[in-house]
Structure formats: structure tokens, C-alpha cells
């Protein structure tokens, strides 16, 4: 009797059932999909900021991305306040 939830015999039985269901040919495909799913889950769990930083670290910088960008032009405010339909209806 093992103290853990999954004893070695349990793992062997699970492996045999998976082999029977999927077959030996599909096993690498199923394992790859499972690994990709776990990787995506970890990226989502860690947060989008860390996932973006990790992807940026893996991809090399392009020449256009390395060039400095100009700042955005300042936002121009309208000179007079904009009237809504409700304030125009009150004036009538």
C-alpha cells in the first residue's frame, strides 16, 4: 500500500488504458497537444505581461522595430464645450 494518491500501479494502468484508446501512433500527437495546452495555461496564469516579455525575448528585433519612434502629437481640445442633445432640448 502506497501513501500517495497515484501509486506506480495506477500510473501503469492509466498508461495501458491510454494506449488502448489512442493507439501507439496517436500517442506522440496527444502528448504534443497536452504539452502545448499546459504551456498555454502557464502563460495565461502568469499574466499577459510576462507572456509578451517572453515572446519578445525569443524573437529577434527587426530594423524597423529598433528605430526610435516619434511621440504622438498632443491632443487638441475643442474651444467650446460640446452640447449634448439633452441640453439643446432644454433650451427649446
PDB file of N, CA and C in Angstrom:
ATOM      1  N   UNK A   1       0.836  -1.184   0.000  1.00  0.00           N
ATOM      2  CA  UNK A   1       0.000   0.000   0.000  1.00  0.00           C
ATOM      3  C   UNK A   1       0.873   1.236   0.000  1.00  0.00           C
ATOM      4  N   UNK A   2       0.631   2.093  -0.953  1.00  0.00           N
ATOM      5  CA  UNK A   2       1.356   3.349  -1.036  1.00  0.00           C
ATOM      6  C   UNK A   2       0.590   4.447  -0.329  1.00  0.00           C
ATOM      7  N   UNK A   3       1.310   5.435   0.104  1.00  0.00           N
ATOM      8  CA  UNK A   3       0.684   6.537   0.826  1.00  0.00           C
ATOM      9  C   UNK A   3       0.161   7.604  -0.126  1.00  0.00           C
ATOM     10  N   UNK A   4       0.637   7.612  -1.364  1.00  0.00           N
ATOM     11  CA  UNK A   4       0.249   8.653  -2.305  1.00  0.00           C
ATOM     12  C   UNK A   4      -1.067   8.363  -2.993  1.00  0.00           C
ATOM     13  N   UNK A   5      -1.586   9.354  -3.644  1.00  0.00           N
ATOM     14  CA  UNK A   5      -2.832   9.209  -4.369  1.00  0.00           C
ATOM     15  C   UNK A   5      -2.648   8.334  -5.611  1.00  0.00           C
ATOM     16  N   UNK A   6      -1.554   8.549  -6.331  1.00  0.00           N
ATOM     17  CA  UNK A   6      -1.271   7.741  -7.506  1.00  0.00           C
ATOM     18  C   UNK A   6      -0.063   6.853  -7.231  1.00  0.00           C
ATOM     19  N   UNK A   7      -0.313   5.597  -7.090  1.00  0.00           N
ATOM     20  CA  UNK A   7       0.758   4.637  -6.892  1.00  0.00           C
ATOM     21  C   UNK A   7       1.302   4.231  -8.259  1.00  0.00           C
ATOM     22  N   UNK A   8       2.456   3.593  -8.295  1.00  0.00           N
ATOM     23  CA  UNK A   8       3.016   3.172  -9.590  1.00  0.00           C
ATOM     24  C   UNK A   8       2.070   2.270 -10.388  1.00  0.00           C
ATOM     25  N   UNK A   9       1.326   1.394  -9.721  1.00  0.00           N
ATOM     26  CA  UNK A   9       0.397   0.516 -10.433  1.00  0.00           C
ATOM     27  C   UNK A   9      -0.722   1.315 -11.079  1.00  0.00           C
ATOM     28  N   UNK A  10      -1.148   2.379 -10.420  1.00  0.00           N
ATOM     29  CA  UNK A  10      -2.190   3.222 -11.005  1.00  0.00           C
ATOM     30  C   UNK A  10      -1.694   3.868 -12.301  1.00  0.00           C
ATOM     31  N   UNK A  11      -0.470   4.368 -12.277  1.00  0.00           N
ATOM     32  CA  UNK A  11       0.096   5.006 -13.460  1.00  0.00           C
ATOM     33  C   UNK A  11       0.242   4.021 -14.616  1.00  0.00           C
ATOM     34  N   UNK A  12       0.634   2.787 -14.309  1.00  0.00           N
ATOM     35  CA  UNK A  12       0.773   1.768 -15.348  1.00  0.00           C
ATOM     36  C   UNK A  12      -0.590   1.443 -15.958  1.00  0.00           C
ATOM     37  N   UNK A  13      -1.601   1.330 -15.127  1.00  0.00           N
ATOM     38  CA  UNK A  13      -2.953   1.038 -15.623  1.00  0.00           C
ATOM     39  C   UNK A  13      -3.455   2.198 -16.494  1.00  0.00           C
ATOM     40  N   UNK A  14      -3.212   3.431 -16.077  1.00  0.00           N
ATOM     41  CA  UNK A  14      -3.623   4.600 -16.862  1.00  0.00           C
ATOM     42  C   UNK A  14      -2.908   4.595 -18.210  1.00  0.00           C
ATOM     43  N   UNK A  15      -1.618   4.283 -18.227  1.00  0.00           N
ATOM     44  CA  UNK A  15      -0.861   4.241 -19.471  1.00  0.00           C
ATOM     45  C   UNK A  15      -1.406   3.168 -20.420  1.00  0.00           C
ATOM     46  N   UNK A  16      -1.749   2.007 -19.897  1.00  0.00           N
ATOM     47  CA  UNK A  16      -2.300   0.927 -20.718  1.00  0.00           C
ATOM     48  C   UNK A  16      -3.650   1.342 -21.307  1.00  0.00           C
ATOM     49  N   UNK A  17      -4.493   1.981 -20.505  1.00  0.00           N
ATOM     50  CA  UNK A  17      -5.806   2.428 -20.998  1.00  0.00           C
ATOM     51  C   UNK A  17      -5.629   3.478 -22.097  1.00  0.00           C
ATOM     52  N   UNK A  18      -4.696   4.408 -21.912  1.00  0.00           N
ATOM     53  CA  UNK A  18      -4.440   5.429 -22.928  1.00  0.00           C
ATOM     54  C   UNK A  18      -3.930   4.788 -24.206  1.00  0.00           C
ATOM     55  N   UNK A  19      -3.054   3.795 -24.103  1.00  0.00           N
ATOM     56  CA  UNK A  19      -2.562   3.086 -25.293  1.00  0.00           C
ATOM     57  C   UNK A  19      -3.691   2.363 -26.015  1.00  0.00           C
ATOM     58  N   UNK A  20      -4.604   1.777 -25.270  1.00  0.00           N
ATOM     59  CA  UNK A  20      -5.729   1.068 -25.889  1.00  0.00           C
ATOM     60  C   UNK A  20      -6.649   2.057 -26.604  1.00  0.00           C
ATOM     61  N   UNK A  21      -6.928   3.195 -25.965  1.00  0.00           N
ATOM     62  CA  UNK A  21      -7.863   4.167 -26.543  1.00  0.00           C
ATOM     63  C   UNK A  21      -7.267   4.857 -27.763  1.00  0.00           C
ATOM     64  N   UNK A  22      -6.067   5.388 -27.649  1.00  0.00           N
ATOM     65  CA  UNK A  22      -5.494   6.205 -28.704  1.00  0.00           C
ATOM     66  C   UNK A  22      -4.603   5.421 -29.663  1.00  0.00           C
ATOM     67  N   UNK A  23      -4.014   4.347 -29.229  1.00  0.00           N
ATOM     68  CA  UNK A  23      -3.090   3.593 -30.069  1.00  0.00           C
ATOM     69  C   UNK A  23      -1.702   4.202 -30.011  1.00  0.00           C
ATOM     70  N   UNK A  24      -0.705   3.415 -30.405  1.00  0.00           N
ATOM     71  CA  UNK A  24       0.684   3.862 -30.311  1.00  0.00           C
ATOM     72  C   UNK A  24       0.991   4.969 -31.316  1.00  0.00           C
ATOM     73  N   UNK A  25       0.313   4.993 -32.457  1.00  0.00           N
ATOM     74  CA  UNK A  25       0.576   6.004 -33.476  1.00  0.00           C
ATOM     75  C   UNK A  25       0.114   7.395 -33.071  1.00  0.00           C
ATOM     76  N   UNK A  26      -0.963   7.479 -32.329  1.00  0.00           N
ATOM     77  CA  UNK A  26      -1.518   8.784 -31.927  1.00  0.00           C
ATOM     78  C   UNK A  26      -0.879   9.324 -30.659  1.00  0.00           C
ATOM     79  N   UNK A  27      -0.130   8.507 -29.950  1.00  0.00           N
ATOM     80  CA  UNK A  27       0.413   8.921 -28.655  1.00  0.00           C
ATOM     81  C   UNK A  27       1.306  10.158 -28.736  1.00  0.00           C
ATOM     82  N   UNK A  28       2.239  10.267 -29.696  1.00  0.00           N
ATOM     83  CA  UNK A  28       3.046  11.493 -29.763  1.00  0.00           C
ATOM     84  C   UNK A  28       2.202  12.735 -30.060  1.00  0.00           C
ATOM     85  N   UNK A  29       1.183  12.574 -30.887  1.00  0.00           N
ATOM     86  CA  UNK A  29       0.303  13.693 -31.211  1.00  0.00           C
ATOM     87  C   UNK A  29      -0.468  14.157 -29.976  1.00  0.00           C
ATOM     88  N   UNK A  30      -0.981  13.202 -29.204  1.00  0.00           N
ATOM     89  CA  UNK A  30      -1.724  13.531 -27.987  1.00  0.00           C
ATOM     90  C   UNK A  30      -0.790  14.176 -26.961  1.00  0.00           C
ATOM     91  N   UNK A  31       0.417  13.652 -26.844  1.00  0.00           N
ATOM     92  CA  UNK A  31       1.386  14.228 -25.907  1.00  0.00           C
ATOM     93  C   UNK A  31       1.779  15.645 -26.287  1.00  0.00           C
ATOM     94  N   UNK A  32       1.959  15.898 -27.583  1.00  0.00           N
ATOM     95  CA  UNK A  32       2.293  17.251 -28.039  1.00  0.00           C
ATOM     96  C   UNK A  32       1.167  18.234 -27.763  1.00  0.00           C
ATOM     97  N   UNK A  33      -0.071  17.807 -28.007  1.00  0.00           N
ATOM     98  CA  UNK A  33      -1.215  18.676 -27.742  1.00  0.00           C
ATOM     99  C   UNK A  33      -1.349  18.949 -26.246  1.00  0.00           C
ATOM    100  N   UNK A  34      -1.102  17.931 -25.435  1.00  0.00           N
ATOM    101  CA  UNK A  34      -1.167  18.106 -23.983  1.00  0.00           C
ATOM    102  C   UNK A  34      -0.080  19.062 -23.501  1.00  0.00           C
ATOM    103  N   UNK A  35       1.134  18.917 -24.022  1.00  0.00           N
ATOM    104  CA  UNK A  35       2.228  19.812 -23.641  1.00  0.00           C
ATOM    105  C   UNK A  35       1.961  21.244 -24.057  1.00  0.00           C
ATOM    106  N   UNK A  36       1.410  21.438 -25.268  1.00  0.00           N
ATOM    107  CA  UNK A  36       1.080  22.785 -25.739  1.00  0.00           C
ATOM    108  C   UNK A  36      -0.008  23.401 -24.861  1.00  0.00           C
ATOM    109  N   UNK A  37      -0.979  22.606 -24.485  1.00  0.00           N
ATOM    110  CA  UNK A  37      -2.052  23.099 -23.616  1.00  0.00           C
ATOM    111  C   UNK A  37      -1.528  23.519 -22.258  1.00  0.00           C
ATOM    112  N   UNK A  38      -0.619  22.740 -21.698  1.00  0.00           N
ATOM    113  CA  UNK A  38      -0.031  23.085 -20.397  1.00  0.00           C
ATOM    114  C   UNK A  38       0.789  24.365 -20.509  1.00  0.00           C
ATOM    115  N   UNK A  39       1.545  24.512 -21.613  1.00  0.00           N
ATOM    116  CA  UNK A  39       2.352  25.719 -21.817  1.00  0.00           C
ATOM    117  C   UNK A  39       1.464  26.954 -21.949  1.00  0.00           C
ATOM    118  N   UNK A  40       0.380  26.838 -22.719  1.00  0.00           N
ATOM    119  CA  UNK A  40      -0.545  27.960 -22.877  1.00  0.00           C
ATOM    120  C   UNK A  40      -1.210  28.318 -21.552  1.00  0.00           C
ATOM    121  N   UNK A  41      -1.551  27.305 -20.774  1.00  0.00           N
ATOM    122  CA  UNK A  41      -2.168  27.554 -19.472  1.00  0.00           C
ATOM    123  C   UNK A  41      -1.211  28.299 -18.551  1.00  0.00           C
ATOM    124  N   UNK A  42       0.042  27.882 -18.528  1.00  0.00           N
ATOM    125  CA  UNK A  42       1.028  28.559 -17.677  1.00  0.00           C
ATOM    126  C   UNK A  42       1.223  30.004 -18.105  1.00  0.00           C
ATOM    127  N   UNK A  43       1.248  30.254 -19.432  1.00  0.00           N
ATOM    128  CA  UNK A  43       1.394  31.621 -19.929  1.00  0.00           C
ATOM    129  C   UNK A  43       0.197  32.470 -19.516  1.00  0.00           C
ATOM    130  N   UNK A  44      -0.993  31.904 -19.595  1.00  0.00           N
ATOM    131  CA  UNK A  44      -2.190  32.649 -19.208  1.00  0.00           C
ATOM    132  C   UNK A  44      -2.227  32.884 -17.707  1.00  0.00           C
ATOM    133  N   UNK A  45      -1.739  31.923 -16.947  1.00  0.00           N
ATOM    134  CA  UNK A  45      -1.742  32.049 -15.490  1.00  0.00           C
ATOM    135  C   UNK A  45      -0.738  33.093 -15.027  1.00  0.00           C
ATOM    136  N   UNK A  46       0.427  33.147 -15.681  1.00  0.00           N
ATOM    137  CA  UNK A  46       1.459  34.098 -15.290  1.00  0.00           C
ATOM    138  C   UNK A  46       1.080  35.524 -15.629  1.00  0.00           C
ATOM    139  N   UNK A  47       0.214  35.713 -16.557  1.00  0.00           N
ATOM    140  CA  UNK A  47      -0.226  37.050 -16.914  1.00  0.00           C
ATOM    141  C   UNK A  47       0.243  37.425 -18.299  1.00  0.00           C
ATOM    142  N   UNK A  48      -0.500  38.303 -18.932  1.00  0.00           N
ATOM    143  CA  UNK A  48      -0.149  38.672 -20.303  1.00  0.00           C
ATOM    144  C   UNK A  48       1.164  39.451 -20.393  1.00  0.00           C
ATOM    145  N   UNK A  49       1.526  40.189 -19.357  1.00  0.00           N
ATOM    146  CA  UNK A  49       2.760  40.968 -19.418  1.00  0.00           C
ATOM    147  C   UNK A  49       3.975  40.056 -19.529  1.00  0.00           C
ATOM    148  N   UNK A  50       4.026  39.023 -18.709  1.00  0.00           N
ATOM    149  CA  UNK A  50       5.173  38.119 -18.731  1.00  0.00           C
ATOM    150  C   UNK A  50       5.204  37.304 -20.017  1.00  0.00           C
ATOM    151  N   UNK A  51       4.035  36.942 -20.547  1.00  0.00           N
ATOM    152  CA  UNK A  51       3.990  36.184 -21.792  1.00  0.00           C
ATOM    153  C   UNK A  51       4.507  37.035 -22.946  1.00  0.00           C
ATOM    154  N   UNK A  52       4.151  38.309 -22.969  1.00  0.00           N
ATOM    155  CA  UNK A  52       4.620  39.200 -24.025  1.00  0.00           C
ATOM    156  C   UNK A  52       6.124  39.396 -23.898  1.00  0.00           C
ATOM    157  N   UNK A  53       6.612  39.578 -22.671  1.00  0.00           N
ATOM    158  CA  UNK A  53       8.057  39.751 -22.465  1.00  0.00           C
ATOM    159  C   UNK A  53       8.819  38.510 -22.905  1.00  0.00           C
ATOM    160  N   UNK A  54       8.286  37.336 -22.629  1.00  0.00           N
ATOM    161  CA  UNK A  54       8.962  36.097 -23.011  1.00  0.00           C
ATOM    162  C   UNK A  54       8.986  35.949 -24.533  1.00  0.00           C
ATOM    163  N   UNK A  55       7.892  36.303 -25.197  1.00  0.00           N
ATOM    164  CA  UNK A  55       7.854  36.208 -26.655  1.00  0.00           C
ATOM    165  C   UNK A  55       8.787  37.221 -27.286  1.00  0.00           C
ATOM    166  N   UNK A  56       8.864  38.431 -26.706  1.00  0.00           N
ATOM    167  CA  UNK A  56       9.766  39.446 -27.234  1.00  0.00           C
ATOM    168  C   UNK A  56      11.226  39.028 -27.064  1.00  0.00           C
ATOM    169  N   UNK A  57      11.528  38.333 -25.973  1.00  0.00           N
ATOM    170  CA  UNK A  57      12.897  37.887 -25.737  1.00  0.00           C
ATOM    171  C   UNK A  57      13.295  36.798 -26.742  1.00  0.00           C
ATOM    172  N   UNK A  58      12.331  36.001 -27.188  1.00  0.00           N
ATOM    173  CA  UNK A  58      12.615  34.919 -28.119  1.00  0.00           C
ATOM    174  C   UNK A  58      12.760  35.420 -29.548  1.00  0.00           C
ATOM    175  N   UNK A  59      12.015  36.467 -29.927  1.00  0.00           N
ATOM    176  CA  UNK A  59      12.047  36.938 -31.306  1.00  0.00           C
ATOM    177  C   UNK A  59      13.110  38.018 -31.473  1.00  0.00           C
ATOM    178  N   UNK A  60      13.905  37.942 -32.541  1.00  0.00           N
ATOM    179  CA  UNK A  60      14.921  38.975 -32.759  1.00  0.00           C
ATOM    180  C   UNK A  60      14.264  40.285 -33.205  1.00  0.00           C
ATOM    181  N   UNK A  61      14.918  41.385 -32.897  1.00  0.00           N
ATOM    182  CA  UNK A  61      14.401  42.691 -33.267  1.00  0.00           C
ATOM    183  C   UNK A  61      14.609  42.922 -34.755  1.00  0.00           C
ATOM    184  N   UNK A  62      13.623  43.505 -35.393  1.00  0.00           N
ATOM    185  CA  UNK A  62      13.745  43.880 -36.790  1.00  0.00           C
ATOM    186  C   UNK A  62      14.284  45.300 -36.859  1.00  0.00           C
ATOM    187  N   UNK A  63      14.779  45.691 -38.010  1.00  0.00           N
ATOM    188  CA  UNK A  63      15.349  47.031 -38.170  1.00  0.00           C
ATOM    189  C   UNK A  63      14.291  48.097 -37.949  1.00  0.00           C
ATOM    190  N   UNK A  64      13.062  47.870 -38.391  1.00  0.00           N
ATOM    191  CA  UNK A  64      12.025  48.876 -38.220  1.00  0.00           C
ATOM    192  C   UNK A  64      11.603  48.984 -36.761  1.00  0.00           C
ATOM    193  N   UNK A  65      11.660  47.884 -36.033  1.00  0.00           N
ATOM    194  CA  UNK A  65      11.272  47.924 -34.626  1.00  0.00           C
ATOM    195  C   UNK A  65      12.350  48.580 -33.781  1.00  0.00           C
ATOM    196  N   UNK A  66      13.603  48.523 -34.230  1.00  0.00           N
ATOM    197  CA  UNK A  66      14.683  49.095 -33.449  1.00  0.00           C
ATOM    198  C   UNK A  66      14.784  50.611 -33.639  1.00  0.00           C
ATOM    199  N   UNK A  67      14.192  51.144 -34.720  1.00  0.00           N
ATOM    200  CA  UNK A  67      14.263  52.575 -34.973  1.00  0.00           C
ATOM    201  C   UNK A  67      13.431  53.331 -33.945  1.00  0.00           C
ATOM    202  N   UNK A  68      13.923  54.488 -33.484  1.00  0.00           N
ATOM    203  CA  UNK A  68      13.146  55.251 -32.497  1.00  0.00           C
ATOM    204  C   UNK A  68      11.864  55.778 -33.120  1.00  0.00           C
ATOM    205  N   UNK A  69      10.835  55.803 -32.334  1.00  0.00           N
ATOM    206  CA  UNK A  69       9.545  56.271 -32.805  1.00  0.00           C
ATOM    207  C   UNK A  69       9.306  57.698 -32.339  1.00  0.00           C
ATOM    208  N   UNK A  70       8.605  58.470 -33.176  1.00  0.00           N
ATOM    209  CA  UNK A  70       8.276  59.839 -32.795  1.00  0.00           C
ATOM    210  C   UNK A  70       7.135  59.816 -31.797  1.00  0.00           C
ATOM    211  N   UNK A  71       7.117  60.766 -30.871  1.00  0.00           N
ATOM    212  CA  UNK A  71       5.997  60.812 -29.926  1.00  0.00           C
ATOM    213  C   UNK A  71       4.714  61.214 -30.635  1.00  0.00           C
ATOM    214  N   UNK A  72       3.610  60.820 -30.084  1.00  0.00           N
ATOM    215  CA  UNK A  72       2.313  61.147 -30.662  1.00  0.00           C
ATOM    216  C   UNK A  72       2.057  62.643 -30.514  1.00  0.00           C
ATOM    217  N   UNK A  73       1.363  63.246 -31.485  1.00  0.00           N
ATOM    218  CA  UNK A  73       1.070  64.675 -31.373  1.00  0.00           C
ATOM    219  C   UNK A  73       0.114  64.929 -30.214  1.00  0.00           C
ATOM    220  N   UNK A  74       0.169  66.123 -29.622  1.00  0.00           N
ATOM    221  CA  UNK A  74      -0.711  66.403 -28.485  1.00  0.00           C
ATOM    222  C   UNK A  74      -2.174  66.442 -28.926  1.00  0.00           C
ATOM    223  N   UNK A  75      -3.035  66.104 -28.026  1.00  0.00           N
ATOM    224  CA  UNK A  75      -4.466  66.095 -28.301  1.00  0.00           C
ATOM    225  C   UNK A  75      -4.974  67.525 -28.226  1.00  0.00           C
ATOM    226  N   UNK A  76      -5.718  67.953 -29.239  1.00  0.00           N
ATOM    227  CA  UNK A  76      -6.256  69.301 -29.256  1.00  0.00           C
ATOM    228  C   UNK A  76      -7.677  69.261 -28.719  1.00  0.00           C
ATOM    229  N   UNK A  77      -7.943  70.079 -27.732  1.00  0.00           N
ATOM    230  CA  UNK A  77      -9.260  70.148 -27.118  1.00  0.00           C
ATOM    231  C   UNK A  77     -10.133  71.130 -27.909  1.00  0.00           C
ATOM    232  N   UNK A  78     -11.440  70.890 -27.993  1.00  0.00           N
ATOM    233  CA  UNK A  78     -12.307  71.854 -28.667  1.00  0.00           C
ATOM    234  C   UNK A  78     -12.400  73.151 -27.854  1.00  0.00           C
ATOM    235  N   UNK A  79     -12.542  74.270 -28.558  1.00  0.00           N
ATOM    236  CA  UNK A  79     -12.576  75.570 -27.896  1.00  0.00           C
ATOM    237  C   UNK A  79     -13.841  75.738 -27.068  1.00  0.00           C
ATOM    238  N   UNK A  80     -14.983  75.321 -27.570  1.00  0.00           N
ATOM    239  CA  UNK A  80     -16.249  75.468 -26.843  1.00  0.00           C
ATOM    240  C   UNK A  80     -16.697  74.087 -26.379  1.00  0.00           C
ATOM    241  N   UNK A  81     -17.401  74.061 -25.247  1.00  0.00           N
ATOM    242  CA  UNK A  81     -17.899  72.758 -24.800  1.00  0.00           C
ATOM    243  C   UNK A  81     -18.938  72.219 -25.780  1.00  0.00           C
ATOM    244  N   UNK A  82     -18.941  70.920 -25.944  1.00  0.00           N
ATOM    245  CA  UNK A  82     -19.862  70.264 -26.858  1.00  0.00           C
ATOM    246  C   UNK A  82     -21.198  70.112 -26.167  1.00  0.00           C
ATOM    247  N   UNK A  83     -22.254  70.530 -26.838  1.00  0.00           N
ATOM    248  CA  UNK A  83     -23.592  70.423 -26.259  1.00  0.00           C
ATOM    249  C   UNK A  83     -24.178  69.068 -26.612  1.00  0.00           C
ATOM    250  N   UNK A  84     -24.847  68.483 -25.659  1.00  0.00           N
ATOM    251  CA  UNK A  84     -25.497  67.210 -25.920  1.00  0.00           C
ATOM    252  C   UNK A  84     -26.925  67.467 -26.370  1.00  0.00           C
ATOM    253  N   UNK A  85     -27.574  66.454 -26.842  1.00  0.00           N
ATOM    254  CA  UNK A  85     -28.975  66.576 -27.305  1.00  0.00           C
ATOM    255  C   UNK A  85     -29.882  66.958 -26.146  1.00  0.00           C
ATOM    256  N   UNK A  86     -29.548  66.515 -24.930  1.00  0.00           N
ATOM    257  CA  UNK A  86     -30.402  66.809 -23.776  1.00  0.00           C
ATOM    258  C   UNK A  86     -30.348  68.310 -23.441  1.00  0.00           C
ATOM    259  N   UNK A  87     -29.190  68.931 -23.515  1.00  0.00           N
ATOM    260  CA  UNK A  87     -29.107  70.361 -23.198  1.00  0.00           C
ATOM    261  C   UNK A  87     -29.763  71.191 -24.281  1.00  0.00           C
ATOM    262  N   UNK A  88     -29.717  70.774 -25.545  1.00  0.00           N
ATOM    263  CA  UNK A  88     -30.396  71.504 -26.612  1.00  0.00           C
ATOM    264  C   UNK A  88     -31.893  71.391 -26.457  1.00  0.00           C
ATOM    265  N   UNK A  89     -32.405  70.246 -25.994  1.00  0.00           N
ATOM    266  CA  UNK A  89     -33.840  70.060 -25.813  1.00  0.00           C
ATOM    267  C   UNK A  89     -34.345  70.950 -24.679  1.00  0.00           C
ATOM    268  N   UNK A  90     -33.540  71.196 -23.661  1.00  0.00           N
ATOM    269  CA  UNK A  90     -33.939  72.059 -22.548  1.00  0.00           C
ATOM    270  C   UNK A  90     -34.041  73.517 -22.990  1.00  0.00           C
ATOM    271  N   UNK A  91     -33.258  73.926 -23.975  1.00  0.00           N
ATOM    272  CA  UNK A  91     -33.261  75.289 -24.449  1.00  0.00           C
ATOM    273  C   UNK A  91     -34.516  75.610 -25.258  1.00  0.00           C
ATOM    274  N   UNK A  92     -35.131  74.599 -25.820  1.00  0.00           N
ATOM    275  CA  UNK A  92     -36.297  74.827 -26.688  1.00  0.00           C
ATOM    276  C   UNK A  92     -37.504  75.184 -25.905  1.00  0.00           C
TER     277      UNK A  92
END
